[in-house]
């Protein structure tokens, strides 16, 4: 779910949109998820985008504060990450589906409403 939310938001409006929308809940785990589907360049780039937020601790509340106090410098850094991401032309769907196929016995779906 994290990768699908990430890809949808970044392709639609960049890292800024990923961090601004409710999808930012996945920022806490997105680099690990991307690592699991073996996308090291996107892991590195996404970590750079997270670092651009200047957070002491990566939490949804901290991301929301950073995005509310958005500066021209932050926007420029995120836009640079966007351009590099788009330039990679990497489709995450195929490696994600391959990961799911190879790990289907280990995947457990959790009802999110029970864990909030």
N, C-alpha and C. Protein backbone atom coordinates (compact mmCIF):
# COMPACT_ATOMS: atom_id res chain seq x y z
N UNK A 1 0.83 -1.19 0.00
CA UNK A 1 0.00 0.00 0.00
C UNK A 1 0.87 1.25 0.00
N UNK A 2 1.97 1.21 0.73
CA UNK A 2 2.86 2.37 0.81
C UNK A 2 3.42 2.71 -0.57
N UNK A 3 3.83 1.69 -1.30
CA UNK A 3 4.42 1.94 -2.62
C UNK A 3 3.36 2.46 -3.59
N UNK A 4 2.18 1.90 -3.56
CA UNK A 4 1.11 2.38 -4.43
C UNK A 4 0.75 3.83 -4.11
N UNK A 5 0.64 4.17 -2.84
CA UNK A 5 0.33 5.56 -2.44
C UNK A 5 1.46 6.48 -2.87
N UNK A 6 2.69 6.05 -2.64
CA UNK A 6 3.86 6.84 -3.03
C UNK A 6 3.87 7.11 -4.53
N UNK A 7 3.74 6.07 -5.31
CA UNK A 7 3.80 6.21 -6.77
C UNK A 7 2.66 7.10 -7.29
N UNK A 8 1.46 6.88 -6.75
CA UNK A 8 0.31 7.69 -7.18
C UNK A 8 0.54 9.17 -6.89
N UNK A 9 0.97 9.48 -5.68
CA UNK A 9 1.14 10.88 -5.28
C UNK A 9 2.31 11.54 -5.99
N UNK A 10 3.46 10.87 -6.03
CA UNK A 10 4.64 11.48 -6.65
C UNK A 10 4.42 11.66 -8.15
N UNK A 11 3.79 10.69 -8.80
CA UNK A 11 3.53 10.84 -10.24
C UNK A 11 2.48 11.91 -10.52
N UNK A 12 1.61 12.17 -9.56
CA UNK A 12 0.53 13.14 -9.75
C UNK A 12 0.93 14.56 -9.36
N UNK A 13 1.81 14.71 -8.38
CA UNK A 13 2.14 16.05 -7.91
C UNK A 13 3.48 16.17 -7.23
N UNK A 14 4.29 15.14 -7.32
CA UNK A 14 5.63 15.19 -6.77
C UNK A 14 5.71 14.81 -5.30
N UNK A 15 6.93 14.87 -4.81
CA UNK A 15 7.17 14.54 -3.40
C UNK A 15 6.38 15.46 -2.48
N UNK A 16 6.23 16.70 -2.89
CA UNK A 16 5.47 17.65 -2.09
C UNK A 16 4.05 17.14 -1.85
N UNK A 17 3.43 16.62 -2.88
CA UNK A 17 2.07 16.08 -2.74
C UNK A 17 2.07 14.85 -1.85
N UNK A 18 3.08 14.00 -1.98
CA UNK A 18 3.18 12.80 -1.14
C UNK A 18 3.26 13.20 0.34
N UNK A 19 4.04 14.22 0.64
CA UNK A 19 4.20 14.65 2.03
C UNK A 19 3.02 15.48 2.53
N UNK A 20 2.35 16.17 1.64
CA UNK A 20 1.25 17.06 2.04
C UNK A 20 -0.04 16.30 2.31
N UNK A 21 -0.33 15.30 1.49
CA UNK A 21 -1.59 14.56 1.61
C UNK A 21 -1.51 13.50 2.71
N UNK A 22 -2.64 12.86 2.97
CA UNK A 22 -2.69 11.83 4.01
C UNK A 22 -1.76 10.66 3.71
N UNK A 23 -1.31 10.56 2.48
CA UNK A 23 -0.34 9.51 2.12
C UNK A 23 0.95 9.66 2.90
N UNK A 24 1.15 10.81 3.55
CA UNK A 24 2.40 11.03 4.29
C UNK A 24 2.55 10.02 5.44
N UNK A 25 1.49 9.33 5.82
CA UNK A 25 1.62 8.29 6.84
C UNK A 25 2.58 7.21 6.38
N UNK A 26 2.74 7.04 5.07
CA UNK A 26 3.63 6.02 4.53
C UNK A 26 5.08 6.50 4.45
N UNK A 27 5.33 7.77 4.69
CA UNK A 27 6.70 8.29 4.67
C UNK A 27 7.55 7.59 5.73
N UNK A 28 6.91 7.10 6.77
CA UNK A 28 7.62 6.44 7.86
C UNK A 28 8.22 5.10 7.42
N UNK A 29 7.64 4.50 6.38
CA UNK A 29 8.08 3.17 5.96
C UNK A 29 8.45 3.08 4.48
N UNK A 30 8.32 4.18 3.75
CA UNK A 30 8.47 4.08 2.29
C UNK A 30 9.85 3.64 1.85
N UNK A 31 10.91 4.11 2.50
CA UNK A 31 12.24 3.70 2.04
C UNK A 31 12.45 2.20 2.26
N UNK A 32 11.94 1.67 3.36
CA UNK A 32 12.05 0.24 3.60
C UNK A 32 11.25 -0.54 2.56
N UNK A 33 10.06 -0.06 2.24
CA UNK A 33 9.22 -0.73 1.23
C UNK A 33 9.90 -0.72 -0.14
N UNK A 34 10.48 0.41 -0.51
CA UNK A 34 11.19 0.50 -1.80
C UNK A 34 12.43 -0.39 -1.81
N UNK A 35 13.08 -0.48 -0.68
CA UNK A 35 14.24 -1.36 -0.56
C UNK A 35 13.82 -2.82 -0.77
N UNK A 36 12.68 -3.20 -0.22
CA UNK A 36 12.21 -4.58 -0.33
C UNK A 36 11.90 -4.98 -1.77
N UNK A 37 11.52 -4.00 -2.61
CA UNK A 37 11.26 -4.34 -4.02
C UNK A 37 12.48 -4.02 -4.89
N UNK A 38 13.61 -3.79 -4.21
CA UNK A 38 14.91 -3.65 -4.87
C UNK A 38 14.97 -2.46 -5.83
N UNK A 39 14.67 -1.29 -5.29
CA UNK A 39 14.77 -0.05 -6.05
C UNK A 39 15.71 0.91 -5.31
N UNK A 40 17.02 0.57 -5.25
CA UNK A 40 17.97 1.34 -4.44
C UNK A 40 18.11 2.81 -4.85
N UNK A 41 18.02 3.11 -6.12
CA UNK A 41 18.15 4.51 -6.54
C UNK A 41 16.95 5.33 -6.06
N UNK A 42 15.77 4.75 -6.09
CA UNK A 42 14.58 5.46 -5.61
C UNK A 42 14.61 5.55 -4.08
N UNK A 43 15.16 4.54 -3.42
CA UNK A 43 15.34 4.61 -1.96
C UNK A 43 16.20 5.81 -1.62
N UNK A 44 17.33 5.93 -2.30
CA UNK A 44 18.28 7.02 -2.03
C UNK A 44 17.62 8.37 -2.30
N UNK A 45 16.95 8.50 -3.41
CA UNK A 45 16.30 9.75 -3.77
C UNK A 45 15.18 10.10 -2.79
N UNK A 46 14.40 9.13 -2.41
CA UNK A 46 13.30 9.36 -1.48
C UNK A 46 13.83 9.75 -0.10
N UNK A 47 14.94 9.15 0.30
CA UNK A 47 15.55 9.55 1.57
C UNK A 47 16.04 11.00 1.50
N UNK A 48 16.55 11.40 0.36
CA UNK A 48 16.96 12.80 0.17
C UNK A 48 15.76 13.73 0.30
N UNK A 49 14.63 13.34 -0.26
CA UNK A 49 13.41 14.15 -0.15
C UNK A 49 12.96 14.24 1.31
N UNK A 50 13.01 13.13 2.02
CA UNK A 50 12.65 13.14 3.44
C UNK A 50 13.62 14.03 4.21
N UNK A 51 14.90 13.92 3.92
CA UNK A 51 15.91 14.74 4.60
C UNK A 51 15.69 16.23 4.34
N UNK A 52 15.18 16.56 3.16
CA UNK A 52 14.93 17.97 2.82
C UNK A 52 13.91 18.60 3.77
N UNK A 53 13.07 17.78 4.38
CA UNK A 53 12.08 18.30 5.32
C UNK A 53 12.72 18.81 6.60
N UNK A 54 13.95 18.40 6.87
CA UNK A 54 14.67 18.88 8.03
C UNK A 54 14.08 18.44 9.36
N UNK A 55 13.62 17.21 9.42
CA UNK A 55 12.94 16.71 10.62
C UNK A 55 13.93 16.11 11.61
N UNK A 56 13.67 16.33 12.88
CA UNK A 56 14.44 15.66 13.93
C UNK A 56 14.02 14.19 14.01
N UNK A 57 12.73 13.97 13.84
CA UNK A 57 12.16 12.63 13.88
C UNK A 57 11.07 12.57 12.81
N UNK A 58 11.04 11.48 12.05
CA UNK A 58 10.05 11.35 10.98
C UNK A 58 8.76 10.81 11.57
N UNK A 59 7.81 11.73 11.77
CA UNK A 59 6.47 11.39 12.23
C UNK A 59 5.49 12.13 11.33
N UNK A 60 4.26 11.68 11.32
CA UNK A 60 3.24 12.37 10.52
C UNK A 60 3.09 13.81 10.98
N UNK A 61 3.07 14.02 12.29
CA UNK A 61 2.92 15.38 12.83
C UNK A 61 4.08 16.27 12.39
N UNK A 62 5.30 15.74 12.43
CA UNK A 62 6.46 16.52 12.03
C UNK A 62 6.42 16.84 10.53
N UNK A 63 6.00 15.88 9.73
CA UNK A 63 5.88 16.11 8.29
C UNK A 63 4.82 17.19 8.03
N UNK A 64 3.69 17.10 8.72
CA UNK A 64 2.64 18.11 8.55
C UNK A 64 3.15 19.50 8.90
N UNK A 65 3.90 19.62 9.99
CA UNK A 65 4.46 20.92 10.38
C UNK A 65 5.42 21.44 9.31
N UNK A 66 6.28 20.57 8.81
CA UNK A 66 7.24 20.98 7.78
C UNK A 66 6.53 21.45 6.52
N UNK A 67 5.46 20.76 6.15
CA UNK A 67 4.74 21.14 4.93
C UNK A 67 3.92 22.41 5.15
N UNK A 68 3.44 22.64 6.35
CA UNK A 68 2.71 23.88 6.64
C UNK A 68 3.63 25.08 6.60
N UNK A 69 4.88 24.89 7.00
CA UNK A 69 5.87 25.97 7.02
C UNK A 69 6.73 25.95 5.76
N UNK A 70 6.15 25.47 4.70
CA UNK A 70 6.86 25.29 3.44
C UNK A 70 7.58 26.56 3.02
N UNK A 71 8.82 26.38 2.63
CA UNK A 71 9.64 27.50 2.18
C UNK A 71 10.00 27.32 0.71
N UNK A 72 10.47 28.39 0.11
CA UNK A 72 10.90 28.31 -1.29
C UNK A 72 12.07 27.34 -1.42
N UNK A 73 12.93 27.30 -0.41
CA UNK A 73 14.07 26.39 -0.44
C UNK A 73 13.61 24.94 -0.41
N UNK A 74 12.66 24.63 0.47
CA UNK A 74 12.13 23.27 0.55
C UNK A 74 11.46 22.90 -0.77
N UNK A 75 10.64 23.78 -1.29
CA UNK A 75 9.96 23.50 -2.55
C UNK A 75 10.96 23.22 -3.67
N UNK A 76 12.03 24.00 -3.73
CA UNK A 76 13.06 23.81 -4.76
C UNK A 76 13.74 22.45 -4.59
N UNK A 77 14.04 22.07 -3.36
CA UNK A 77 14.68 20.77 -3.12
C UNK A 77 13.76 19.62 -3.52
N UNK A 78 12.48 19.74 -3.17
CA UNK A 78 11.54 18.68 -3.53
C UNK A 78 11.31 18.62 -5.03
N UNK A 79 11.29 19.78 -5.68
CA UNK A 79 11.13 19.79 -7.14
C UNK A 79 12.33 19.15 -7.82
N UNK A 80 13.52 19.36 -7.27
CA UNK A 80 14.71 18.71 -7.82
C UNK A 80 14.59 17.19 -7.69
N UNK A 81 14.10 16.75 -6.55
CA UNK A 81 13.87 15.31 -6.36
C UNK A 81 12.83 14.80 -7.36
N UNK A 82 11.78 15.60 -7.58
CA UNK A 82 10.75 15.22 -8.56
C UNK A 82 11.36 15.00 -9.93
N UNK A 83 12.16 15.95 -10.38
CA UNK A 83 12.77 15.87 -11.71
C UNK A 83 13.66 14.63 -11.83
N UNK A 84 14.41 14.36 -10.81
CA UNK A 84 15.28 13.18 -10.84
C UNK A 84 14.45 11.90 -10.85
N UNK A 85 13.36 11.89 -10.07
CA UNK A 85 12.48 10.72 -10.04
C UNK A 85 11.86 10.49 -11.42
N UNK A 86 11.32 11.55 -12.02
CA UNK A 86 10.69 11.42 -13.33
C UNK A 86 11.71 10.98 -14.38
N UNK A 87 12.94 11.46 -14.24
CA UNK A 87 14.00 11.11 -15.18
C UNK A 87 14.40 9.64 -15.11
N UNK A 88 14.15 9.01 -13.99
CA UNK A 88 14.47 7.59 -13.85
C UNK A 88 13.56 6.72 -14.71
N UNK A 89 12.33 7.17 -14.91
CA UNK A 89 11.38 6.41 -15.71
C UNK A 89 11.11 5.02 -15.17
N UNK A 90 11.25 4.85 -13.87
CA UNK A 90 11.08 3.54 -13.25
C UNK A 90 9.62 3.31 -12.90
N UNK A 91 9.07 2.21 -13.37
CA UNK A 91 7.71 1.81 -13.04
C UNK A 91 7.78 0.89 -11.83
N UNK A 92 7.13 1.27 -10.76
CA UNK A 92 7.20 0.47 -9.53
C UNK A 92 6.20 -0.68 -9.51
N UNK A 93 5.23 -0.66 -10.41
CA UNK A 93 4.18 -1.69 -10.39
C UNK A 93 4.74 -3.09 -10.60
N UNK A 94 5.58 -3.27 -11.59
CA UNK A 94 6.08 -4.62 -11.90
C UNK A 94 6.93 -5.18 -10.76
N UNK A 95 7.91 -4.42 -10.23
CA UNK A 95 8.67 -5.00 -9.12
C UNK A 95 7.81 -5.22 -7.87
N UNK A 96 6.80 -4.39 -7.67
CA UNK A 96 5.90 -4.58 -6.54
C UNK A 96 5.10 -5.87 -6.71
N UNK A 97 4.54 -6.09 -7.89
CA UNK A 97 3.77 -7.30 -8.13
C UNK A 97 4.66 -8.55 -8.04
N UNK A 98 5.89 -8.43 -8.51
CA UNK A 98 6.83 -9.55 -8.41
C UNK A 98 7.12 -9.87 -6.94
N UNK A 99 7.31 -8.82 -6.13
CA UNK A 99 7.53 -9.01 -4.69
C UNK A 99 6.32 -9.70 -4.06
N UNK A 100 5.14 -9.24 -4.40
CA UNK A 100 3.92 -9.83 -3.84
C UNK A 100 3.81 -11.30 -4.24
N UNK A 101 4.05 -11.59 -5.50
CA UNK A 101 3.98 -12.97 -5.99
C UNK A 101 4.98 -13.87 -5.25
N UNK A 102 6.19 -13.37 -5.05
CA UNK A 102 7.23 -14.17 -4.40
C UNK A 102 7.06 -14.28 -2.89
N UNK A 103 6.24 -13.42 -2.31
CA UNK A 103 6.10 -13.39 -0.85
C UNK A 103 4.65 -13.54 -0.39
N UNK A 104 3.78 -14.04 -1.26
CA UNK A 104 2.35 -14.06 -0.94
C UNK A 104 2.03 -14.85 0.33
N UNK A 105 2.80 -15.84 0.67
CA UNK A 105 2.56 -16.60 1.88
C UNK A 105 2.93 -15.85 3.16
N UNK A 106 3.71 -14.78 3.02
CA UNK A 106 4.15 -14.00 4.17
C UNK A 106 3.35 -12.72 4.38
N UNK A 107 2.49 -12.40 3.43
CA UNK A 107 1.75 -11.14 3.48
C UNK A 107 0.45 -11.33 4.25
N UNK A 108 0.26 -10.47 5.24
CA UNK A 108 -0.94 -10.52 6.07
C UNK A 108 -1.61 -9.15 5.99
N UNK A 109 -2.88 -9.13 5.66
CA UNK A 109 -3.62 -7.88 5.62
C UNK A 109 -4.20 -7.59 6.99
N UNK A 110 -4.04 -6.35 7.42
CA UNK A 110 -4.53 -5.92 8.72
C UNK A 110 -5.62 -4.90 8.51
N UNK A 111 -6.70 -5.02 9.23
CA UNK A 111 -7.77 -4.04 9.18
C UNK A 111 -7.29 -2.79 9.88
N UNK A 112 -7.00 -1.72 9.12
CA UNK A 112 -6.44 -0.49 9.67
C UNK A 112 -7.33 0.15 10.72
N UNK A 113 -8.64 0.04 10.58
CA UNK A 113 -9.54 0.68 11.54
C UNK A 113 -9.42 0.07 12.93
N UNK A 114 -8.94 -1.14 13.02
CA UNK A 114 -8.75 -1.78 14.33
C UNK A 114 -7.45 -1.36 14.99
N UNK A 115 -6.56 -0.71 14.25
CA UNK A 115 -5.23 -0.39 14.77
C UNK A 115 -5.00 1.12 14.89
N UNK A 116 -6.02 1.91 14.88
CA UNK A 116 -5.85 3.37 14.99
C UNK A 116 -6.14 3.83 16.37
